[in-house]
Amino acid sequence: MVKNLFIAFEGIDGCGKSTQVKLLVEKLRQSGHRVYVTCEPTGGPIGSIIRDIFNHRTEADHRTIAGLFVADRLDHLLNKKDGMLKMMEEGYTVITDRYYFSSYAYHGAHMPMDWVIESNSMSAGILRPDLNIYIDISPEVSMQRLHAGRSSMELYETMENLTRVRSKYFEAIEKLKLQEKIFITEGDRSPENIAAEIWAEVSRIESTASIKD
């Protein structure tokens, strides 16, 4: 039997996470994994409030948004129906499109990052990824992709904010490099090249996990 993994995809908007999640799922299933794919914010009650804020249907302070993400993430982990912890315990490899590094970067751009990290410490203590995959693109490429695929922009999708968020991602990665397994890949390439690089890293993590068992 293959050992199930927990993998989080990260990056600024438009980096190609969704495409890479799909490509990785195909590879994992071919190698014998049962895979559960999820995302943040979730589709649950708290995640729905966050999405309303992002889509300008309601307003909230950045500190309130950060707190909502803390609550949504804990429900994402602990929900008895389909929480990530439950799916891991049932033997699924879980892939999430965004996890706590997204909070460190997006909320750390508007408040002290140490507070954001501390407020998410319970989630990190419950379930830390076997691998955080950060897909790096420039804010310029991000905005080009977003304008090409969208008719409207969400709350954080401005050049100024994405520039700060990208910087904060690297700040968080540097701060936590001894505690977290982080893989950085360049996102301004063909999806196939990125996927091959990600699969090589996931295979390495998988084989390391198997040896430990």
C-alpha atoms as a PDB file:
ATOM      1  CA  MET A   1       0.000   0.000   0.000  1.00  0.00           C
ATOM      2  CA  VAL A   2       1.164   3.551  -0.729  1.00  0.00           C
ATOM      3  CA  LYS A   3       1.380   5.996   2.161  1.00  0.00           C
ATOM      4  CA  ASN A   4      -1.138   8.810   1.927  1.00  0.00           C
ATOM      5  CA  LEU A   5       0.223  12.350   1.807  1.00  0.00           C
ATOM      6  CA  PHE A   6      -0.986  15.845   2.629  1.00  0.00           C
ATOM      7  CA  ILE A   7       0.053  18.418   0.011  1.00  0.00           C
ATOM      8  CA  ALA A   8      -0.737  22.148  -0.067  1.00  0.00           C
ATOM      9  CA  PHE A   9      -0.448  24.303  -3.192  1.00  0.00           C
ATOM     10  CA  GLU A  10       0.433  27.972  -2.753  1.00  0.00           C
ATOM     11  CA  GLY A  11       1.045  31.058  -4.865  1.00  0.00           C
ATOM     12  CA  ILE A  12      -0.387  34.419  -5.811  1.00  0.00           C
ATOM     13  CA  ASP A  13      -3.555  34.564  -7.892  1.00  0.00           C
ATOM     14  CA  GLY A  14      -3.193  33.276 -11.436  1.00  0.00           C
ATOM     15  CA  CYS A  15      -0.071  31.214 -10.733  1.00  0.00           C
ATOM     16  CA  GLY A  16      -1.582  28.004 -12.157  1.00  0.00           C
ATOM     17  CA  LYS A  17      -2.358  26.091  -8.961  1.00  0.00           C
ATOM     18  CA  SER A  18      -5.638  24.648 -10.247  1.00  0.00           C
ATOM     19  CA  THR A  19      -3.967  23.236 -13.362  1.00  0.00           C
ATOM     20  CA  GLN A  20      -1.136  21.706 -11.372  1.00  0.00           C
ATOM     21  CA  VAL A  21      -3.505  20.190  -8.815  1.00  0.00           C
ATOM     22  CA  LYS A  22      -5.342  18.375 -11.636  1.00  0.00           C
ATOM     23  CA  LEU A  23      -2.105  17.112 -13.205  1.00  0.00           C
ATOM     24  CA  LEU A  24      -0.756  15.902  -9.867  1.00  0.00           C
ATOM     25  CA  VAL A  25      -4.024  14.137  -9.019  1.00  0.00           C
ATOM     26  CA  GLU A  26      -3.775  12.159 -12.265  1.00  0.00           C
ATOM     27  CA  LYS A  27      -0.227  11.052 -11.440  1.00  0.00           C
ATOM     28  CA  LEU A  28      -1.046  10.139  -7.853  1.00  0.00           C
ATOM     29  CA  ARG A  29      -4.064   8.060  -8.853  1.00  0.00           C
ATOM     30  CA  GLN A  30      -1.982   6.251 -11.451  1.00  0.00           C
ATOM     31  CA  SER A  31       0.505   5.350  -8.716  1.00  0.00           C
ATOM     32  CA  GLY A  32      -2.196   3.904  -6.450  1.00  0.00           C
ATOM     33  CA  HIS A  33      -3.321   6.811  -4.273  1.00  0.00           C
ATOM     34  CA  ARG A  34      -6.917   7.542  -3.364  1.00  0.00           C
ATOM     35  CA  VAL A  35      -7.010  11.325  -3.652  1.00  0.00           C
ATOM     36  CA  TYR A  36      -9.257  13.924  -2.031  1.00  0.00           C
ATOM     37  CA  VAL A  37      -9.017  17.451  -3.481  1.00  0.00           C
ATOM     38  CA  THR A  38     -10.158  20.507  -1.571  1.00  0.00           C
ATOM     39  CA  CYS A  39      -9.536  24.246  -1.342  1.00  0.00           C
ATOM     40  CA  GLU A  40      -9.631  27.338   0.841  1.00  0.00           C
ATOM     41  CA  PRO A  41     -11.732  29.266   1.493  1.00  0.00           C
ATOM     42  CA  THR A  42     -14.048  26.288   1.793  1.00  0.00           C
ATOM     43  CA  GLY A  43     -17.590  25.935   0.564  1.00  0.00           C
ATOM     44  CA  GLY A  44     -18.814  25.780   4.166  1.00  0.00           C
ATOM     45  CA  PRO A  45     -20.682  28.509   6.085  1.00  0.00           C
ATOM     46  CA  ILE A  46     -17.559  30.440   7.121  1.00  0.00           C
ATOM     47  CA  GLY A  47     -15.953  30.062   3.708  1.00  0.00           C
ATOM     48  CA  SER A  48     -19.134  31.423   2.111  1.00  0.00           C
ATOM     49  CA  ILE A  49     -18.847  34.600   4.211  1.00  0.00           C
ATOM     50  CA  ILE A  50     -15.234  34.998   3.045  1.00  0.00           C
ATOM     51  CA  ARG A  51     -16.253  34.565  -0.603  1.00  0.00           C
ATOM     52  CA  ASP A  52     -18.945  37.233  -0.192  1.00  0.00           C
ATOM     53  CA  ILE A  53     -16.266  39.615   1.097  1.00  0.00           C
ATOM     54  CA  PHE A  54     -13.886  38.753  -1.754  1.00  0.00           C
ATOM     55  CA  ASN A  55     -16.622  39.354  -4.330  1.00  0.00           C
ATOM     56  CA  HIS A  56     -17.542  42.751  -2.804  1.00  0.00           C
ATOM     57  CA  ARG A  57     -20.990  41.606  -1.672  1.00  0.00           C
ATOM     58  CA  THR A  58     -20.118  42.574   1.909  1.00  0.00           C
ATOM     59  CA  GLU A  59     -17.333  44.478   3.637  1.00  0.00           C
ATOM     60  CA  ALA A  60     -14.937  43.511   6.419  1.00  0.00           C
ATOM     61  CA  ASP A  61     -11.714  44.729   7.947  1.00  0.00           C
ATOM     62  CA  HIS A  62      -8.534  42.836   7.030  1.00  0.00           C
ATOM     63  CA  ARG A  63      -8.240  41.662  10.650  1.00  0.00           C
ATOM     64  CA  THR A  64     -11.762  40.270  10.518  1.00  0.00           C
ATOM     65  CA  ILE A  65     -10.950  38.451   7.275  1.00  0.00           C
ATOM     66  CA  ALA A  66      -7.835  36.937   8.857  1.00  0.00           C
ATOM     67  CA  GLY A  67      -9.922  35.719  11.797  1.00  0.00           C
ATOM     68  CA  LEU A  68     -12.527  34.221   9.489  1.00  0.00           C
ATOM     69  CA  PHE A  69      -9.786  32.268   7.710  1.00  0.00           C
ATOM     70  CA  VAL A  70      -8.555  30.887  11.044  1.00  0.00           C
ATOM     71  CA  ALA A  71     -12.076  29.622  11.791  1.00  0.00           C
ATOM     72  CA  ASP A  72     -12.683  28.317   8.255  1.00  0.00           C
ATOM     73  CA  ARG A  73      -9.345  26.475   8.306  1.00  0.00           C
ATOM     74  CA  LEU A  74     -10.114  24.770  11.616  1.00  0.00           C
ATOM     75  CA  ASP A  75     -13.500  23.653  10.261  1.00  0.00           C
ATOM     76  CA  HIS A  76     -11.728  22.508   7.087  1.00  0.00           C
ATOM     77  CA  LEU A  77      -9.532  20.314   9.270  1.00  0.00           C
ATOM     78  CA  LEU A  78     -11.996  19.127  11.896  1.00  0.00           C
ATOM     79  CA  ASN A  79     -15.360  18.851  10.140  1.00  0.00           C
ATOM     80  CA  LYS A  80     -16.695  15.385  10.995  1.00  0.00           C
ATOM     81  CA  LYS A  81     -18.276  14.913   7.547  1.00  0.00           C
ATOM     82  CA  ASP A  82     -15.465  15.746   5.153  1.00  0.00           C
ATOM     83  CA  GLY A  83     -12.727  17.463   7.146  1.00  0.00           C
ATOM     84  CA  MET A  84      -9.163  16.980   5.943  1.00  0.00           C
ATOM     85  CA  LEU A  85      -8.179  15.162   9.130  1.00  0.00           C
ATOM     86  CA  LYS A  86     -11.029  12.660   8.636  1.00  0.00           C
ATOM     87  CA  MET A  87     -10.037  12.093   5.005  1.00  0.00           C
ATOM     88  CA  MET A  88      -6.395  11.552   5.999  1.00  0.00           C
ATOM     89  CA  GLU A  89      -7.457   9.051   8.666  1.00  0.00           C
ATOM     90  CA  GLU A  90      -9.494   7.194   6.025  1.00  0.00           C
ATOM     91  CA  GLY A  91      -6.341   6.781   3.932  1.00  0.00           C
ATOM     92  CA  TYR A  92      -6.831   9.485   1.324  1.00  0.00           C
ATOM     93  CA  THR A  93      -3.990  11.587  -0.004  1.00  0.00           C
ATOM     94  CA  VAL A  94      -5.315  15.107   0.521  1.00  0.00           C
ATOM     95  CA  ILE A  95      -4.444  18.008  -1.774  1.00  0.00           C
ATOM     96  CA  THR A  96      -5.559  21.490  -0.821  1.00  0.00           C
ATOM     97  CA  ASP A  97      -5.488  24.545  -3.058  1.00  0.00           C
ATOM     98  CA  ARG A  98      -4.259  27.005  -0.368  1.00  0.00           C
ATOM     99  CA  TYR A  99      -3.557  26.428   3.318  1.00  0.00           C
ATOM    100  CA  TYR A 100      -1.981  28.509   6.065  1.00  0.00           C
ATOM    101  CA  PHE A 101       0.892  29.909   3.970  1.00  0.00           C
ATOM    102  CA  SER A 102      -1.787  31.800   2.032  1.00  0.00           C
ATOM    103  CA  SER A 103      -2.828  33.496   5.265  1.00  0.00           C
ATOM    104  CA  TYR A 104       0.771  34.275   6.158  1.00  0.00           C
ATOM    105  CA  ALA A 105       1.227  36.022   2.800  1.00  0.00           C
ATOM    106  CA  TYR A 106      -2.161  37.619   2.086  1.00  0.00           C
ATOM    107  CA  HIS A 107      -2.928  38.701   5.652  1.00  0.00           C
ATOM    108  CA  GLY A 108       0.710  39.337   6.523  1.00  0.00           C
ATOM    109  CA  ALA A 109       0.586  42.038   3.849  1.00  0.00           C
ATOM    110  CA  HIS A 110      -1.875  43.975   6.043  1.00  0.00           C
ATOM    111  CA  MET A 111      -0.899  43.118   9.643  1.00  0.00           C
ATOM    112  CA  PRO A 112       2.051  41.658  11.579  1.00  0.00           C
ATOM    113  CA  MET A 113       2.920  38.276  10.082  1.00  0.00           C
ATOM    114  CA  ASP A 114       3.898  36.868  13.478  1.00  0.00           C
ATOM    115  CA  TRP A 115       0.311  37.396  14.651  1.00  0.00           C
ATOM    116  CA  VAL A 116      -1.023  35.569  11.577  1.00  0.00           C
ATOM    117  CA  ILE A 117       1.369  32.661  12.128  1.00  0.00           C
ATOM    118  CA  GLU A 118       0.455  32.444  15.810  1.00  0.00           C
ATOM    119  CA  SER A 119      -3.275  32.605  15.085  1.00  0.00           C
ATOM    120  CA  ASN A 120      -2.881  29.627  12.733  1.00  0.00           C
ATOM    121  CA  SER A 121      -0.620  27.657  15.070  1.00  0.00           C
ATOM    122  CA  MET A 122      -3.430  25.310  16.092  1.00  0.00           C
ATOM    123  CA  SER A 123      -4.034  24.331  12.457  1.00  0.00           C
ATOM    124  CA  ALA A 124      -0.303  23.789  11.934  1.00  0.00           C
ATOM    125  CA  GLY A 125      -0.215  21.649  15.064  1.00  0.00           C
ATOM    126  CA  ILE A 126      -3.154  19.536  13.917  1.00  0.00           C
ATOM    127  CA  LEU A 127      -1.944  18.854  10.369  1.00  0.00           C
ATOM    128  CA  ARG A 128       1.253  20.088   8.764  1.00  0.00           C
ATOM    129  CA  PRO A 129       1.722  19.391   5.036  1.00  0.00           C
ATOM    130  CA  ASP A 130       4.135  16.712   3.900  1.00  0.00           C
ATOM    131  CA  LEU A 131       4.896  19.254   1.181  1.00  0.00           C
ATOM    132  CA  ASN A 132       4.012  22.903   0.524  1.00  0.00           C
ATOM    133  CA  ILE A 133       4.323  23.608  -3.219  1.00  0.00           C
ATOM    134  CA  TYR A 134       4.807  27.287  -4.023  1.00  0.00           C
ATOM    135  CA  ILE A 135       4.352  28.232  -7.686  1.00  0.00           C
ATOM    136  CA  ASP A 136       6.095  31.539  -8.270  1.00  0.00           C
ATOM    137  CA  ILE A 137       5.051  34.102 -10.870  1.00  0.00           C
ATOM    138  CA  SER A 138       5.523  37.872 -11.049  1.00  0.00           C
ATOM    139  CA  PRO A 139       2.622  40.189 -10.168  1.00  0.00           C
ATOM    140  CA  GLU A 140       2.689  41.386 -13.784  1.00  0.00           C
ATOM    141  CA  VAL A 141       2.075  37.864 -15.101  1.00  0.00           C
ATOM    142  CA  SER A 142      -0.586  37.375 -12.432  1.00  0.00           C
ATOM    143  CA  MET A 143      -2.539  40.450 -13.506  1.00  0.00           C
ATOM    144  CA  GLN A 144      -2.254  39.517 -17.196  1.00  0.00           C
ATOM    145  CA  ARG A 145      -3.700  36.067 -16.508  1.00  0.00           C
ATOM    146  CA  LEU A 146      -6.458  37.394 -14.251  1.00  0.00           C
ATOM    147  CA  HIS A 147      -7.587  40.019 -16.769  1.00  0.00           C
ATOM    148  CA  ALA A 148      -7.553  37.393 -19.533  1.00  0.00           C
ATOM    149  CA  GLY A 149      -9.794  35.019 -17.587  1.00  0.00           C
ATOM    150  CA  ARG A 150     -12.059  37.294 -15.550  1.00  0.00           C
ATOM    151  CA  SER A 151     -14.605  40.036 -16.059  1.00  0.00           C
ATOM    152  CA  SER A 152     -14.144  41.337 -12.498  1.00  0.00           C
ATOM    153  CA  MET A 153     -11.393  41.321  -9.870  1.00  0.00           C
ATOM    154  CA  GLU A 154     -11.652  40.054  -6.287  1.00  0.00           C
ATOM    155  CA  LEU A 155     -10.639  41.983  -3.169  1.00  0.00           C
ATOM    156  CA  TYR A 156      -6.910  41.191  -3.121  1.00  0.00           C
ATOM    157  CA  GLU A 157      -6.375  41.162  -6.886  1.00  0.00           C
ATOM    158  CA  THR A 158      -4.525  44.416  -7.501  1.00  0.00           C
ATOM    159  CA  MET A 159      -0.953  44.895  -8.710  1.00  0.00           C
ATOM    160  CA  GLU A 160       0.026  46.696  -5.505  1.00  0.00           C
ATOM    161  CA  ASN A 161      -1.407  44.029  -3.234  1.00  0.00           C
ATOM    162  CA  LEU A 162      -0.077  41.052  -5.210  1.00  0.00           C
ATOM    163  CA  THR A 163       3.396  42.622  -5.157  1.00  0.00           C
ATOM    164  CA  ARG A 164       3.219  42.807  -1.352  1.00  0.00           C
ATOM    165  CA  VAL A 165       1.759  39.295  -1.095  1.00  0.00           C
ATOM    166  CA  ARG A 166       4.512  37.753  -3.226  1.00  0.00           C
ATOM    167  CA  SER A 167       7.112  39.439  -1.036  1.00  0.00           C
ATOM    168  CA  LYS A 168       5.365  38.148   2.084  1.00  0.00           C
ATOM    169  CA  TYR A 169       5.303  34.596   0.701  1.00  0.00           C
ATOM    170  CA  PHE A 170       9.087  34.644   0.470  1.00  0.00           C
ATOM    171  CA  GLU A 171       9.348  36.227   3.915  1.00  0.00           C
ATOM    172  CA  ALA A 172       7.205  33.436   5.389  1.00  0.00           C
ATOM    173  CA  ILE A 173       9.129  30.748   3.508  1.00  0.00           C
ATOM    174  CA  GLU A 174      12.422  32.089   4.853  1.00  0.00           C
ATOM    175  CA  LYS A 175      11.025  32.404   8.380  1.00  0.00           C
ATOM    176  CA  LEU A 176       9.660  28.843   8.457  1.00  0.00           C
ATOM    177  CA  LYS A 177      12.132  26.967   6.242  1.00  0.00           C
ATOM    178  CA  LEU A 178      13.351  24.836   9.153  1.00  0.00           C
ATOM    179  CA  GLN A 179       9.831  23.850  10.229  1.00  0.00           C
ATOM    180  CA  GLU A 180       8.124  23.308   6.889  1.00  0.00           C
ATOM    181  CA  LYS A 181       8.811  21.253   3.776  1.00  0.00           C
ATOM    182  CA  ILE A 182       8.604  23.800   0.967  1.00  0.00           C
ATOM    183  CA  PHE A 183       9.202  23.321  -2.752  1.00  0.00           C
ATOM    184  CA  ILE A 184       9.409  26.373  -5.020  1.00  0.00           C
ATOM    185  CA  THR A 185       8.837  26.079  -8.763  1.00  0.00           C
ATOM    186  CA  GLU A 186       8.843  28.751 -11.465  1.00  0.00           C
ATOM    187  CA  GLY A 187       5.300  29.186 -12.770  1.00  0.00           C
ATOM    188  CA  ASP A 188       6.007  31.122 -15.962  1.00  0.00           C
ATOM    189  CA  ARG A 189       6.713  27.942 -17.975  1.00  0.00           C
ATOM    190  CA  SER A 190       4.682  25.285 -19.725  1.00  0.00           C
ATOM    191  CA  PRO A 191       2.275  23.406 -17.426  1.00  0.00           C
ATOM    192  CA  GLU A 192       3.921  20.120 -18.474  1.00  0.00           C
ATOM    193  CA  ASN A 193       7.393  21.244 -17.374  1.00  0.00           C
ATOM    194  CA  ILE A 194       6.080  22.500 -14.043  1.00  0.00           C
ATOM    195  CA  ALA A 195       4.107  19.279 -13.497  1.00  0.00           C
ATOM    196  CA  ALA A 196       7.161  17.115 -14.202  1.00  0.00           C
ATOM    197  CA  GLU A 197       9.200  19.056 -11.650  1.00  0.00           C
ATOM    198  CA  ILE A 198       6.431  18.816  -9.053  1.00  0.00           C
ATOM    199  CA  TRP A 199       5.982  15.081  -9.649  1.00  0.00           C
ATOM    200  CA  ALA A 200       9.712  14.482  -9.162  1.00  0.00           C
ATOM    201  CA  GLU A 201       9.564  16.270  -5.795  1.00  0.00           C
ATOM    202  CA  VAL A 202       6.363  14.509  -4.683  1.00  0.00           C
ATOM    203  CA  SER A 203       7.896  11.138  -5.639  1.00  0.00           C
ATOM    204  CA  ARG A 204      10.929  11.968  -3.526  1.00  0.00           C
ATOM    205  CA  ILE A 205       8.740  12.905  -0.536  1.00  0.00           C
ATOM    206  CA  GLU A 206       6.660   9.751  -1.068  1.00  0.00           C
ATOM    207  CA  SER A 207       9.711   7.479  -1.090  1.00  0.00           C
ATOM    208  CA  THR A 208      11.127   9.218   2.006  1.00  0.00           C
ATOM    209  CA  ALA A 209       7.821   8.723   3.832  1.00  0.00           C
ATOM    210  CA  SER A 210       7.757   5.042   2.870  1.00  0.00           C
ATOM    211  CA  ILE A 211      11.299   4.502   4.185  1.00  0.00           C
ATOM    212  CA  LYS A 212      10.334   6.096   7.539  1.00  0.00           C
ATOM    213  CA  ASP A 213       7.401   3.688   7.811  1.00  0.00           C
END
